[in-house]
């Protein structure tokens, strides 16, 4: 694109806007951003590390979680404010005035405690925060999904989440109320655990996110119930990128050359980068000019390292990578993330950030050459490549198999919606399903739009997910890492890839289908998980606009055990607060609610 070419061909890379105007008090994307430690101090367990003698390959991160006794506390205000991440000044939802939101750091086995103050007072609305990929085995009520684990946090109310860092690696948190996180309500989460690859420095989060100049509410209004799409306006790395102001919407204040993210390398050193796709819709392709990328973890799962020149991330996915600094001390290179236009909708697909070696002039523009790669499909790397370090095999035969067909069509009201097994989802904020299940109420024949699948006491579940629609879907399951035992096109023949140790993660891309070949044009993924986490767990596409349009189900797991859980009284109080608010105000639920 001409705009990207003009950035690359320029000689000077000095921003016109300060970090405060683009991102608030966040340091991400600046040369002042600190590298991350191997672990946090405060009361570590014996044997030098907070997690004792546990290792990535020898200890299960799902059953051997340590208990450090340490509480990591955060106090956050959610409010609206104006920032210009790419130079276009727009209203955003911010945490403590910054975008991206504050980074959560904890050791594996710590307790994370986050107090949230809902100060969304101009056009009041509820909110919640979901801690993406954490299992919440001890605290399913703090998963952060309104209508499932809690009522929304009402305006002018406060709610405290408290949960264990029960897995380790890289993730993020985000609002799970409508599509709020597309307005900025998100941030990175790093949980330190046993190392399984050597590196010199941890550069921390590298957040990749499509960016819209229109508020989430306006987008949802325009697309919900219709077959239209809204392309993203830009693509950001750690909340920063420039924008061609000649393309700004009418009346929008736009500052050219707002500023790009910058990183520092030292020749000969090896760096860990924690890639996070925190976008609303865009499938990202990440590269660094002239450098090889070594993937060491996907989502919260350490894997046997393998080299690649491009990392593919659907929305919600994370990959930890190592990069060897092979350049000379005076060199500089482009870091790039490109939204795949074969798989997503965008008006400006390329995000740039600059990497400067120790003696490079940080005001000059890198002149490196883009890495070439081939786009064959809209899915992740072959599951034959991604082998978890800790070996674990699914049952030879699952206790229960559920087929799920994804489709897009007209509902009873004439609206165009996404459906799973011919049913679209819509949340009921007043009646969280987990609280109902605690009372023994797990059947809702009068409310089919709640999309509840009760798998009863089955010990393992297989989901065979298919689509013939020509769009990709990053499918995310709460409360679990699942095995990805198969993926492909056509009809699954029952073959399991590497049965002794299949890929595991919490979000997996389902490739596009072929609607012109309904007999053999389906794409499929086959996922399995052990039902060892009693609760009600969402399973949904992580494209914000797809879940807004109903691409979502709820899984009830071991309902008898749910009735014995001791749910904190704060959950009922939050519902009373919400009932008081919604009883005096019209709740404008313009989409599915999730």
Protein backbone atom coordinates (compact mmCIF):
# COMPACT_ATOMS: atom_id res chain seq x y z
CA UNK A 1 0.00 0.00 0.00
CA UNK A 2 1.16 3.53 -0.77
CA UNK A 3 0.78 4.66 2.85
CA UNK A 4 2.98 1.85 4.20
CA UNK A 5 5.52 2.47 1.44
CA UNK A 6 5.74 6.11 2.47
CA UNK A 7 6.51 5.12 6.08
CA UNK A 8 9.18 2.64 4.99
CA UNK A 9 10.78 5.05 2.51
CA UNK A 10 10.96 7.96 4.97
CA UNK A 11 14.30 8.68 6.60
CA UNK A 12 13.23 9.85 10.05
CA UNK A 13 10.98 8.12 12.57
CA UNK A 14 10.12 10.78 15.13
CA UNK A 15 6.55 10.82 16.49
CA UNK A 16 4.38 13.93 16.39
CA UNK A 17 2.37 12.84 19.45
CA UNK A 18 3.49 12.05 22.99
CA UNK A 19 2.86 8.64 24.56
CA UNK A 20 0.34 10.24 26.91
CA UNK A 21 -1.79 11.38 23.95
CA UNK A 22 -1.60 8.08 22.10
CA UNK A 23 -1.71 5.53 24.93
CA UNK A 24 -1.95 7.29 28.28
CA UNK A 25 0.45 6.14 31.04
CA UNK A 26 1.21 2.79 29.35
CA UNK A 27 4.91 2.20 28.58
CA UNK A 28 4.26 -0.54 26.02
CA UNK A 29 5.72 0.32 22.64
CA UNK A 30 8.35 2.67 24.06
CA UNK A 31 12.08 2.20 24.56
CA UNK A 32 11.40 2.82 28.27
CA UNK A 33 9.35 -0.38 28.57
CA UNK A 34 11.20 -2.67 31.01
CA UNK A 35 12.23 -6.21 30.21
CA UNK A 36 10.49 -8.82 32.33
CA UNK A 37 12.07 -10.92 35.10
CA UNK A 38 12.14 -14.72 35.30
CA UNK A 39 9.78 -14.57 38.26
CA UNK A 40 8.43 -12.12 40.82
CA UNK A 41 9.80 -11.97 44.33
CA UNK A 42 7.77 -12.23 47.57
CA UNK A 43 7.65 -15.46 49.55
CA UNK A 44 8.88 -17.97 46.96
CA UNK A 45 8.59 -21.65 47.75
CA UNK A 46 11.80 -23.60 48.54
CA UNK A 47 14.34 -24.61 45.89
CA UNK A 48 14.91 -21.08 44.56
CA UNK A 49 11.77 -20.74 42.45
CA UNK A 50 8.19 -19.88 43.48
CA UNK A 51 7.02 -23.15 41.90
CA UNK A 52 9.58 -25.33 43.68
CA UNK A 53 11.07 -28.14 41.57
CA UNK A 54 8.32 -28.24 38.95
CA UNK A 55 9.52 -28.30 35.33
CA UNK A 56 7.72 -27.56 32.07
CA UNK A 57 8.24 -31.07 30.71
CA UNK A 58 7.93 -33.07 33.91
CA UNK A 59 5.03 -31.45 35.76
CA UNK A 60 1.46 -31.06 34.59
CA UNK A 61 0.43 -27.40 34.66
CA UNK A 62 -3.17 -28.60 35.05
CA UNK A 63 -2.86 -30.76 38.14
CA UNK A 64 0.27 -29.71 39.99
CA UNK A 65 -0.42 -26.01 40.57
CA UNK A 66 1.65 -24.75 43.51
CA UNK A 67 0.23 -22.56 46.24
CA UNK A 68 2.63 -19.71 46.92
CA UNK A 69 0.37 -17.92 49.40
CA UNK A 70 1.10 -14.62 47.62
CA UNK A 71 -1.66 -12.19 46.57
CA UNK A 72 -1.03 -9.88 43.60
CA UNK A 73 -3.46 -6.98 44.01
CA UNK A 74 -4.67 -4.51 41.37
CA UNK A 75 -7.14 -1.63 41.66
CA UNK A 76 -8.67 -0.47 38.38
CA UNK A 77 -11.09 2.20 37.25
CA UNK A 78 -12.93 1.54 33.99
CA UNK A 79 -13.95 4.80 32.36
CA UNK A 80 -14.23 6.56 29.03
CA UNK A 81 -11.58 8.89 27.68
CA UNK A 82 -10.03 10.15 24.46
CA UNK A 83 -6.75 8.81 23.05
CA UNK A 84 -5.14 8.71 19.59
CA UNK A 85 -3.38 5.33 19.24
CA UNK A 86 -2.79 5.88 15.51
CA UNK A 87 -3.31 9.65 15.38
CA UNK A 88 -7.09 9.58 15.05
CA UNK A 89 -8.57 10.97 18.25
CA UNK A 90 -11.45 8.81 19.42
CA UNK A 91 -13.51 7.91 22.46
CA UNK A 92 -12.24 4.74 24.12
CA UNK A 93 -12.87 2.56 27.16
CA UNK A 94 -9.79 2.71 29.36
CA UNK A 95 -8.43 1.09 32.49
CA UNK A 96 -6.75 3.65 34.72
CA UNK A 97 -6.66 5.98 31.73
CA UNK A 98 -4.44 3.83 29.53
CA UNK A 99 -4.53 1.66 26.41
CA UNK A 100 -3.60 -1.15 26.41
CA UNK A 101 -4.65 -1.68 30.01
CA UNK A 102 -2.19 -2.37 32.86
CA UNK A 103 -0.18 -5.58 32.69
CA UNK A 104 -0.99 -8.28 35.21
CA UNK A 105 2.09 -10.11 36.48
CA UNK A 106 2.08 -13.10 38.81
CA UNK A 107 3.95 -16.31 39.54
CA UNK A 108 2.37 -19.65 38.85
CA UNK A 109 0.43 -20.45 42.03
CA UNK A 110 -0.09 -16.84 43.16
CA UNK A 111 -3.55 -15.42 43.77
CA UNK A 112 -4.52 -12.53 41.50
CA UNK A 113 -6.94 -10.03 43.00
CA UNK A 114 -8.42 -7.29 40.80
CA UNK A 115 -10.85 -4.70 42.14
CA UNK A 116 -12.88 -3.14 39.30
CA UNK A 117 -14.72 0.16 39.60
CA UNK A 118 -17.28 0.66 36.83
CA UNK A 119 -17.17 4.38 36.10
CA UNK A 120 -18.71 4.16 32.63
CA UNK A 121 -21.01 7.07 33.44
CA UNK A 122 -21.53 8.76 30.08
CA UNK A 123 -24.01 6.44 28.38
CA UNK A 124 -24.00 4.13 31.37
CA UNK A 125 -23.58 0.41 30.83
CA UNK A 126 -22.51 -2.69 32.68
CA UNK A 127 -19.17 -4.38 32.25
CA UNK A 128 -17.08 -7.38 33.29
CA UNK A 129 -13.55 -8.71 32.80
CA UNK A 130 -12.60 -12.19 31.60
CA UNK A 131 -9.15 -13.70 32.27
CA UNK A 132 -8.54 -15.44 28.97
CA UNK A 133 -7.22 -19.01 29.26
CA UNK A 134 -7.15 -19.30 33.05
CA UNK A 135 -8.87 -22.50 34.16
CA UNK A 136 -10.65 -21.11 37.25
CA UNK A 137 -10.85 -24.62 38.72
CA UNK A 138 -11.33 -23.30 42.23
CA UNK A 139 -13.30 -20.18 41.26
CA UNK A 140 -15.58 -20.65 38.21
CA UNK A 141 -17.71 -17.72 39.43
CA UNK A 142 -14.78 -15.35 38.71
CA UNK A 143 -14.49 -16.28 35.02
CA UNK A 144 -15.98 -12.87 34.20
CA UNK A 145 -18.81 -13.69 31.78
CA UNK A 146 -22.12 -11.90 32.43
CA UNK A 147 -25.17 -14.18 32.13
CA UNK A 148 -22.94 -17.19 32.83
CA UNK A 149 -20.69 -16.74 35.88
CA UNK A 150 -21.95 -13.38 37.11
CA UNK A 151 -24.32 -10.49 36.58
CA UNK A 152 -22.69 -7.45 34.94
CA UNK A 153 -20.95 -4.95 37.18
CA UNK A 154 -23.47 -2.10 37.32
CA UNK A 155 -22.44 1.53 36.74
CA UNK A 156 -21.10 3.18 39.87
CA UNK A 157 -20.48 -0.23 41.45
CA UNK A 158 -17.32 -2.11 42.42
CA UNK A 159 -16.53 -5.80 42.11
CA UNK A 160 -13.41 -7.75 43.16
CA UNK A 161 -12.17 -10.80 41.25
CA UNK A 162 -9.91 -13.21 43.13
CA UNK A 163 -8.49 -16.31 41.45
CA UNK A 164 -5.36 -18.43 41.29
CA UNK A 165 -2.78 -18.16 38.52
CA UNK A 166 -3.41 -21.84 37.78
CA UNK A 167 -1.48 -22.03 34.49
CA UNK A 168 1.60 -20.14 33.31
CA UNK A 169 2.71 -18.32 30.20
CA UNK A 170 1.23 -15.47 28.18
CA UNK A 171 -2.34 -14.29 27.92
CA UNK A 172 -4.61 -11.28 28.16
CA UNK A 173 -7.78 -10.08 29.85
CA UNK A 174 -10.69 -8.28 28.24
CA UNK A 175 -14.27 -7.21 28.75
CA UNK A 176 -16.80 -9.95 28.03
CA UNK A 177 -19.75 -7.55 27.90
CA UNK A 178 -20.92 -7.11 24.30
CA UNK A 179 -17.95 -6.03 22.14
CA UNK A 180 -16.55 -3.50 24.63
CA UNK A 181 -12.98 -4.71 24.30
CA UNK A 182 -12.93 -3.41 20.71
CA UNK A 183 -13.00 0.05 22.34
CA UNK A 184 -9.82 -0.67 24.29
CA UNK A 185 -10.97 -2.57 27.38
CA UNK A 186 -8.14 -5.13 27.38
CA UNK A 187 -4.59 -5.70 28.59
CA UNK A 188 -1.76 -8.28 28.80
CA UNK A 189 -1.31 -10.95 31.44
CA UNK A 190 2.02 -12.67 32.16
CA UNK A 191 2.26 -15.59 34.57
CA UNK A 192 5.81 -16.70 35.26
CA UNK A 193 6.52 -20.43 35.43
CA UNK A 194 9.20 -23.05 34.78
CA UNK A 195 11.48 -22.17 31.86
CA UNK A 196 11.87 -24.60 29.00
CA UNK A 197 14.06 -22.63 26.58
CA UNK A 198 17.11 -20.44 27.10
CA UNK A 199 17.05 -16.73 26.32
CA UNK A 200 18.76 -13.59 27.57
CA UNK A 201 15.92 -11.07 27.82
CA UNK A 202 12.14 -11.19 28.02
CA UNK A 203 10.80 -8.21 26.03
CA UNK A 204 7.29 -8.89 27.35
CA UNK A 205 3.95 -8.50 25.57
CA UNK A 206 3.70 -7.71 21.87
CA UNK A 207 -0.01 -7.01 21.44
CA UNK A 208 -1.36 -7.25 17.89
CA UNK A 209 -4.77 -5.69 17.38
CA UNK A 210 -6.96 -4.49 14.56
CA UNK A 211 -8.21 -0.97 15.28
CA UNK A 212 -11.49 0.78 14.52
CA UNK A 213 -12.13 4.51 14.49
CA UNK A 214 -15.83 3.87 15.06
CA UNK A 215 -16.96 2.89 18.56
CA UNK A 216 -17.89 -0.72 19.24
CA UNK A 217 -21.50 0.30 19.92
CA UNK A 218 -21.93 1.88 16.49
CA UNK A 219 -20.36 -1.13 14.77
CA UNK A 220 -22.57 -3.59 16.63
CA UNK A 221 -25.61 -1.47 15.78
CA UNK A 222 -24.69 -1.59 12.10
CA UNK A 223 -23.88 -5.29 11.74
CA UNK A 224 -26.01 -7.18 14.27
CA UNK A 225 -28.73 -9.12 12.52
CA UNK A 226 -27.40 -8.23 9.08
CA UNK A 227 -24.99 -9.72 6.56
CA UNK A 228 -22.77 -6.62 6.45
CA UNK A 229 -19.20 -6.37 7.72
CA UNK A 230 -17.19 -3.44 9.06
CA UNK A 231 -13.52 -3.49 8.01
CA UNK A 232 -10.96 -2.37 10.55
CA UNK A 233 -9.33 1.00 9.87
CA UNK A 234 -5.82 0.10 10.99
CA UNK A 235 -3.57 -2.46 12.64
CA UNK A 236 -1.54 -1.80 15.80
CA UNK A 237 1.49 -3.22 17.62
CA UNK A 238 1.34 -2.50 21.36
CA UNK A 239 -1.37 0.07 20.70
CA UNK A 240 0.56 2.19 18.17
CA UNK A 241 0.69 2.82 14.42
CA UNK A 242 0.49 5.73 12.00
CA UNK A 243 -2.55 6.49 9.84
CA UNK A 244 -3.14 8.27 6.55
CA UNK A 245 -5.14 11.28 7.76
CA UNK A 246 -6.60 11.84 4.29
CA UNK A 247 -8.69 8.72 4.97
CA UNK A 248 -9.99 9.83 8.38
CA UNK A 249 -13.74 9.87 8.87
CA UNK A 250 -15.52 13.18 8.38
CA UNK A 251 -14.93 15.45 11.34
CA UNK A 252 -12.35 13.20 13.01
CA UNK A 253 -9.30 14.91 14.47
CA UNK A 254 -6.25 13.21 12.97
CA UNK A 255 -2.55 13.76 13.61
CA UNK A 256 -0.16 12.38 10.97
CA UNK A 257 2.86 10.40 12.12
CA UNK A 258 1.44 9.64 15.57
CA UNK A 259 4.30 7.26 16.28
CA UNK A 260 5.22 3.56 16.07
CA UNK A 261 6.27 1.07 18.73
CA UNK A 262 10.00 0.62 19.21
CA UNK A 263 12.09 -2.23 20.63
CA UNK A 264 15.78 -2.58 21.53
CA UNK A 265 18.04 -5.54 20.60
CA UNK A 266 21.68 -6.23 21.46
CA UNK A 267 23.76 -8.18 18.96
CA UNK A 268 24.21 -11.83 19.84
CA UNK A 269 21.49 -11.94 22.50
CA UNK A 270 18.30 -14.03 22.38
CA UNK A 271 14.94 -12.43 23.15
CA UNK A 272 11.56 -13.77 24.23
CA UNK A 273 8.54 -12.01 22.74
CA UNK A 274 5.03 -12.75 23.99
CA UNK A 275 2.71 -12.36 20.98
CA UNK A 276 -0.99 -11.76 21.70
CA UNK A 277 -3.76 -11.31 19.13
CA UNK A 278 -6.08 -9.01 21.09
CA UNK A 279 -8.07 -7.85 18.07
CA UNK A 280 -11.77 -7.90 17.35
CA UNK A 281 -11.66 -9.70 14.00
CA UNK A 282 -8.28 -9.71 12.25
CA UNK A 283 -6.24 -12.86 11.69
CA UNK A 284 -2.60 -11.77 12.15
CA UNK A 285 0.59 -12.84 10.35
CA UNK A 286 3.65 -11.77 12.39
CA UNK A 287 7.21 -11.47 11.02
CA UNK A 288 10.52 -9.73 11.73
CA UNK A 289 12.56 -8.82 8.66
CA UNK A 290 15.70 -10.97 8.24
CA UNK A 291 15.11 -12.90 11.49
CA UNK A 292 14.03 -16.46 12.24
CA UNK A 293 11.28 -16.96 14.81
CA UNK A 294 11.30 -19.94 17.16
CA UNK A 295 7.90 -20.82 18.66
CA UNK A 296 8.16 -22.19 22.23
CA UNK A 297 4.55 -21.97 23.47
CA UNK A 298 1.03 -21.66 22.08
CA UNK A 299 -1.57 -20.17 24.39
CA UNK A 300 -0.64 -21.49 27.86
CA UNK A 301 1.03 -24.66 26.51
CA UNK A 302 4.85 -25.01 26.27
CA UNK A 303 5.76 -26.90 23.09
CA UNK A 304 8.84 -28.45 21.55
CA UNK A 305 10.48 -25.44 19.84
CA UNK A 306 10.37 -25.17 16.06
CA UNK A 307 11.51 -22.48 13.64
CA UNK A 308 9.35 -20.48 11.26
CA UNK A 309 9.46 -17.19 9.37
CA UNK A 310 5.83 -16.25 10.12
CA UNK A 311 3.55 -16.77 13.13
CA UNK A 312 -0.21 -17.06 12.53
CA UNK A 313 -2.53 -15.91 15.30
CA UNK A 314 -6.31 -15.87 15.30
CA UNK A 315 -8.13 -13.58 17.72
CA UNK A 316 -7.48 -14.71 21.30
CA UNK A 317 -4.43 -16.81 20.44
CA UNK A 318 -0.94 -16.29 21.84
CA UNK A 319 2.50 -17.56 20.85
CA UNK A 320 5.71 -17.12 22.80
CA UNK A 321 8.68 -16.88 20.45
CA UNK A 322 12.47 -16.61 20.70
CA UNK A 323 14.44 -14.37 18.34
CA UNK A 324 18.23 -14.42 18.02
CA UNK A 325 19.62 -10.91 17.47
CA UNK A 326 21.77 -11.66 14.40
CA UNK A 327 22.19 -8.05 13.24
CA UNK A 328 25.16 -5.73 13.61
CA UNK A 329 25.22 -3.15 16.45
CA UNK A 330 24.21 -0.30 14.11
CA UNK A 331 21.37 -2.17 12.37
CA UNK A 332 17.63 -1.65 12.55
CA UNK A 333 14.79 -3.83 11.27
CA UNK A 334 11.04 -3.75 10.83
CA UNK A 335 8.74 -5.85 12.95
CA UNK A 336 5.51 -6.41 11.03
CA UNK A 337 2.09 -7.85 11.65
CA UNK A 338 -0.29 -8.11 8.72
CA UNK A 339 -4.00 -8.82 8.85
CA UNK A 340 -4.65 -11.57 6.33
CA UNK A 341 -6.99 -10.01 3.77
CA UNK A 342 -7.87 -13.53 2.57
CA UNK A 343 -9.35 -14.26 5.98
CA UNK A 344 -10.39 -10.92 7.53
CA UNK A 345 -11.74 -7.48 6.64
CA UNK A 346 -9.55 -4.39 6.86
CA UNK A 347 -8.83 -1.15 5.07
CA UNK A 348 -5.20 -1.04 6.24
CA UNK A 349 -3.69 -4.45 7.08
CA UNK A 350 -0.08 -3.68 8.01
CA UNK A 351 1.24 -2.78 11.46
CA UNK A 352 4.88 -1.73 11.80
CA UNK A 353 7.24 -1.44 14.75
CA UNK A 354 10.96 -0.66 14.71
CA UNK A 355 13.70 -2.82 16.23
CA UNK A 356 16.94 -0.94 16.94
CA UNK A 357 20.24 -2.60 17.77
CA UNK A 358 22.43 -1.12 20.49
CA UNK A 359 24.29 1.46 18.36
CA UNK A 360 21.49 2.27 15.89
CA UNK A 361 20.06 5.77 15.57
CA UNK A 362 16.55 5.41 17.01
CA UNK A 363 15.31 8.42 15.05
CA UNK A 364 16.01 6.80 11.67
CA UNK A 365 13.62 4.56 9.75
CA UNK A 366 14.62 0.89 9.23
CA UNK A 367 15.20 0.01 5.58
CA UNK A 368 14.93 -3.78 5.87
CA UNK A 369 13.03 -5.99 3.42
CA UNK A 370 9.72 -7.68 4.20
CA UNK A 371 9.74 -11.43 4.82
CA UNK A 372 7.82 -13.26 2.10
CA UNK A 373 5.45 -16.06 3.01
CA UNK A 374 2.64 -17.98 1.39
CA UNK A 375 -0.96 -17.79 2.58
CA UNK A 376 -2.55 -21.16 1.87
CA UNK A 377 -5.48 -21.06 4.27
CA UNK A 378 -7.00 -19.36 7.31
CA UNK A 379 -5.84 -21.71 10.02
CA UNK A 380 -2.84 -22.25 12.30
CA UNK A 381 0.33 -24.18 11.59
CA UNK A 382 -0.17 -27.91 11.01
CA UNK A 383 -0.94 -29.68 14.28
CA UNK A 384 1.82 -32.16 13.40
CA UNK A 385 4.30 -29.34 14.18
CA UNK A 386 2.96 -28.29 17.58
CA UNK A 387 3.87 -30.95 20.14
CA UNK A 388 3.36 -30.12 23.84
CA UNK A 389 6.41 -30.50 26.03
CA UNK A 390 4.45 -32.20 28.81
CA UNK A 391 3.15 -35.41 27.25
CA UNK A 392 -0.53 -36.13 27.74
CA UNK A 393 -2.90 -38.23 25.65
CA UNK A 394 -6.69 -38.06 25.45
CA UNK A 395 -8.82 -41.10 26.30
CA UNK A 396 -8.89 -43.74 23.57
CA UNK A 397 -12.60 -43.08 23.23
CA UNK A 398 -14.34 -39.99 24.61
CA UNK A 399 -17.26 -40.51 26.96
CA UNK A 400 -19.46 -38.26 24.82
CA UNK A 401 -19.23 -36.76 21.32
CA UNK A 402 -21.10 -33.62 20.28
CA UNK A 403 -21.32 -32.52 16.64
CA UNK A 404 -21.59 -28.74 16.17
CA UNK A 405 -22.40 -27.19 12.81
CA UNK A 406 -21.78 -23.47 12.39
CA UNK A 407 -24.01 -21.58 9.97
CA UNK A 408 -25.20 -18.09 9.15
CA UNK A 409 -28.86 -17.55 8.42
CA UNK A 410 -32.19 -16.00 9.28
CA UNK A 411 -33.78 -16.44 12.70
CA UNK A 412 -37.48 -16.31 13.55
CA UNK A 413 -37.45 -12.50 13.59
CA UNK A 414 -35.89 -12.24 10.14
CA UNK A 415 -32.49 -11.16 11.48
CA UNK A 416 -29.31 -12.62 9.98
CA UNK A 417 -27.39 -14.32 12.81
CA UNK A 418 -24.66 -16.85 13.45
CA UNK A 419 -25.91 -20.20 14.71
CA UNK A 420 -24.50 -23.34 16.27
CA UNK A 421 -26.68 -26.33 15.44
CA UNK A 422 -29.32 -23.93 14.07
CA UNK A 423 -29.63 -21.92 17.28
CA UNK A 424 -28.26 -18.43 17.91
CA UNK A 425 -27.28 -17.29 21.42
CA UNK A 426 -28.57 -14.36 23.43
CA UNK A 427 -27.52 -13.61 27.01
CA UNK A 428 -29.83 -13.02 29.94
CA UNK A 429 -27.88 -10.71 32.25
CA UNK A 430 -30.35 -11.18 35.11
CA UNK A 431 -29.91 -14.95 35.52
CA UNK A 432 -26.31 -16.24 35.44
CA UNK A 433 -26.35 -19.90 34.47
CA UNK A 434 -23.77 -20.93 37.06
CA UNK A 435 -25.90 -19.52 39.87
CA UNK A 436 -28.94 -21.34 38.49
CA UNK A 437 -26.96 -24.60 38.23
CA UNK A 438 -25.89 -24.18 41.87
CA UNK A 439 -29.62 -24.33 42.71
CA UNK A 440 -29.99 -27.50 40.61
CA UNK A 441 -31.65 -25.71 37.69
CA UNK A 442 -29.92 -27.01 34.53
CA UNK A 443 -32.82 -27.31 32.07
CA UNK A 444 -34.18 -24.31 30.17
CA UNK A 445 -36.71 -25.49 27.57
CA UNK A 446 -38.34 -22.05 27.48
CA UNK A 447 -35.04 -20.33 26.77
CA UNK A 448 -33.41 -22.15 23.82
CA UNK A 449 -31.46 -18.98 22.96
CA UNK A 450 -29.31 -19.57 26.05
CA UNK A 451 -27.71 -22.40 23.99
CA UNK A 452 -27.03 -24.69 26.94
CA UNK A 453 -25.44 -28.13 26.43
CA UNK A 454 -25.60 -30.24 29.58
CA UNK A 455 -22.94 -32.95 29.33
CA UNK A 456 -23.98 -34.26 32.76
CA UNK A 457 -21.38 -36.45 34.48
CA UNK A 458 -19.48 -37.56 31.35
CA UNK A 459 -15.76 -37.64 32.08
CA UNK A 460 -14.50 -36.55 28.67
CA UNK A 461 -16.04 -34.65 25.77
CA UNK A 462 -15.29 -34.56 22.06
CA UNK A 463 -16.51 -31.60 19.97
CA UNK A 464 -16.60 -32.03 16.19
CA UNK A 465 -16.99 -28.48 14.87
CA UNK A 466 -17.79 -27.89 11.18
CA UNK A 467 -18.63 -25.04 8.85
CA UNK A 468 -19.19 -24.52 5.12
CA UNK A 469 -19.33 -20.73 5.48
CA UNK A 470 -16.46 -18.81 3.85
CA UNK A 471 -15.19 -17.20 7.07
CA UNK A 472 -12.60 -18.32 9.61
CA UNK A 473 -13.52 -18.76 13.29
CA UNK A 474 -11.06 -18.80 16.23
CA UNK A 475 -12.94 -21.13 18.59
CA UNK A 476 -12.26 -20.57 22.30
CA UNK A 477 -13.29 -22.76 25.25
CA UNK A 478 -13.35 -21.31 28.77
CA UNK A 479 -12.10 -23.33 31.74
CA UNK A 480 -9.95 -25.75 29.71
CA UNK A 481 -7.02 -26.42 27.50
CA UNK A 482 -8.33 -28.84 24.87
CA UNK A 483 -6.60 -31.33 22.64
CA UNK A 484 -6.78 -30.54 18.93
CA UNK A 485 -6.94 -34.10 17.67
CA UNK A 486 -7.81 -33.37 14.04
CA UNK A 487 -8.42 -30.60 11.54
CA UNK A 488 -9.10 -30.59 7.83
CA UNK A 489 -11.72 -30.30 5.11
CA UNK A 490 -14.50 -32.59 3.96
CA UNK A 491 -15.63 -35.33 6.33
CA UNK A 492 -13.44 -36.32 9.26
CA UNK A 493 -12.38 -39.96 8.89
CA UNK A 494 -11.72 -40.51 12.59
CA UNK A 495 -7.93 -40.24 12.37
CA UNK A 496 -6.30 -38.60 15.41
CA UNK A 497 -3.05 -36.71 14.90
CA UNK A 498 -0.28 -37.97 17.24
CA UNK A 499 -2.67 -39.65 19.67
CA UNK A 500 0.02 -40.10 22.32
CA UNK A 501 0.48 -36.32 22.65
CA UNK A 502 -1.78 -34.10 20.48
CA UNK A 503 -1.60 -30.32 20.40
CA UNK A 504 -3.27 -28.56 23.33
CA UNK A 505 -4.38 -24.94 23.60
CA UNK A 506 -7.49 -22.90 24.50
CA UNK A 507 -8.23 -21.29 21.10
CA UNK A 508 -8.02 -22.95 17.68
CA UNK A 509 -8.72 -21.56 14.21
CA UNK A 510 -11.45 -23.23 12.16
CA UNK A 511 -10.64 -22.72 8.49
CA UNK A 512 -13.04 -21.25 5.95
CA UNK A 513 -15.51 -23.55 4.29
CA UNK A 514 -16.90 -23.72 0.77
CA UNK A 515 -20.62 -22.88 0.61
CA UNK A 516 -20.73 -23.91 -3.06
CA UNK A 517 -19.86 -27.49 -2.13
CA UNK A 518 -22.18 -28.42 0.76
CA UNK A 519 -21.37 -32.11 0.36
CA UNK A 520 -17.59 -31.90 0.73
CA UNK A 521 -16.76 -28.24 1.32
CA UNK A 522 -16.86 -28.26 5.12
CA UNK A 523 -13.87 -27.34 7.23
CA UNK A 524 -13.62 -29.04 10.61
CA UNK A 525 -11.68 -29.14 13.85
CA UNK A 526 -12.00 -31.93 16.42
CA UNK A 527 -11.41 -30.92 20.02
CA UNK A 528 -11.35 -33.05 23.17
CA UNK A 529 -11.17 -32.19 26.85
CA UNK A 530 -11.41 -33.95 30.19
CA UNK A 531 -14.48 -32.88 32.18
CA UNK A 532 -12.53 -32.18 35.37
CA UNK A 533 -13.76 -28.63 36.01
CA UNK A 534 -17.35 -28.46 37.28
CA UNK A 535 -18.98 -25.28 36.03
CA UNK A 536 -20.70 -23.58 33.11
CA UNK A 537 -18.19 -22.82 30.38
CA UNK A 538 -18.68 -20.74 27.22
CA UNK A 539 -17.48 -22.12 23.89
CA UNK A 540 -17.54 -19.48 21.21
CA UNK A 541 -15.93 -17.83 18.23
CA UNK A 542 -13.59 -15.05 19.39
CA UNK A 543 -14.32 -12.73 16.49
CA UNK A 544 -16.13 -10.01 18.43
CA UNK A 545 -18.74 -9.41 15.74
CA UNK A 546 -19.49 -13.13 15.33
CA UNK A 547 -20.10 -13.71 19.04
CA UNK A 548 -22.17 -10.51 19.11
CA UNK A 549 -24.30 -12.15 16.45
CA UNK A 550 -24.77 -15.34 18.48
CA UNK A 551 -21.91 -17.74 17.62
CA UNK A 552 -21.75 -19.17 21.12
CA UNK A 553 -22.87 -22.08 23.33
CA UNK A 554 -22.69 -22.79 27.08
CA UNK A 555 -21.38 -26.13 28.35
CA UNK A 556 -22.58 -27.41 31.72
CA UNK A 557 -19.96 -29.72 33.18
CA UNK A 558 -20.65 -32.13 36.07
CA UNK A 559 -23.82 -30.40 37.30
CA UNK A 560 -24.08 -32.53 40.45
CA UNK A 561 -20.72 -31.21 41.60
CA UNK A 562 -21.79 -27.62 40.92
CA UNK A 563 -24.55 -27.92 43.54
CA UNK A 564 -21.87 -28.57 46.19
CA UNK A 565 -19.75 -25.51 45.35
CA UNK A 566 -19.67 -22.68 47.89
CA UNK A 567 -20.29 -19.61 45.73
CA UNK A 568 -19.30 -16.33 47.45
CA UNK A 569 -22.11 -14.05 48.58
CA UNK A 570 -20.59 -11.23 46.52
CA UNK A 571 -21.99 -12.91 43.38
CA UNK A 572 -25.58 -12.55 44.66
CA UNK A 573 -24.86 -8.97 45.75
CA UNK A 574 -23.60 -8.11 42.28
CA UNK A 575 -26.87 -9.43 40.86
CA UNK A 576 -28.86 -7.36 43.35
CA UNK A 577 -26.86 -4.29 42.30
CA UNK A 578 -27.55 -5.09 38.66
CA UNK A 579 -31.25 -5.65 39.33
CA UNK A 580 -31.44 -2.29 41.09
CA UNK A 581 -29.73 -0.57 38.16
CA UNK A 582 -31.67 -2.35 35.39
CA UNK A 583 -34.93 -1.85 37.27
CA UNK A 584 -34.52 1.92 36.97
CA UNK A 585 -32.71 2.13 33.61
CA UNK A 586 -33.26 0.64 30.17
CA UNK A 587 -30.45 -1.80 29.39
CA UNK A 588 -29.78 -1.39 25.69
CA UNK A 589 -28.75 -4.95 24.81
CA UNK A 590 -28.28 -4.55 21.07
CA UNK A 591 -26.50 -7.86 20.44
CA UNK A 592 -26.07 -11.29 22.03
CA UNK A 593 -24.58 -9.58 25.07
CA UNK A 594 -21.23 -11.41 24.93
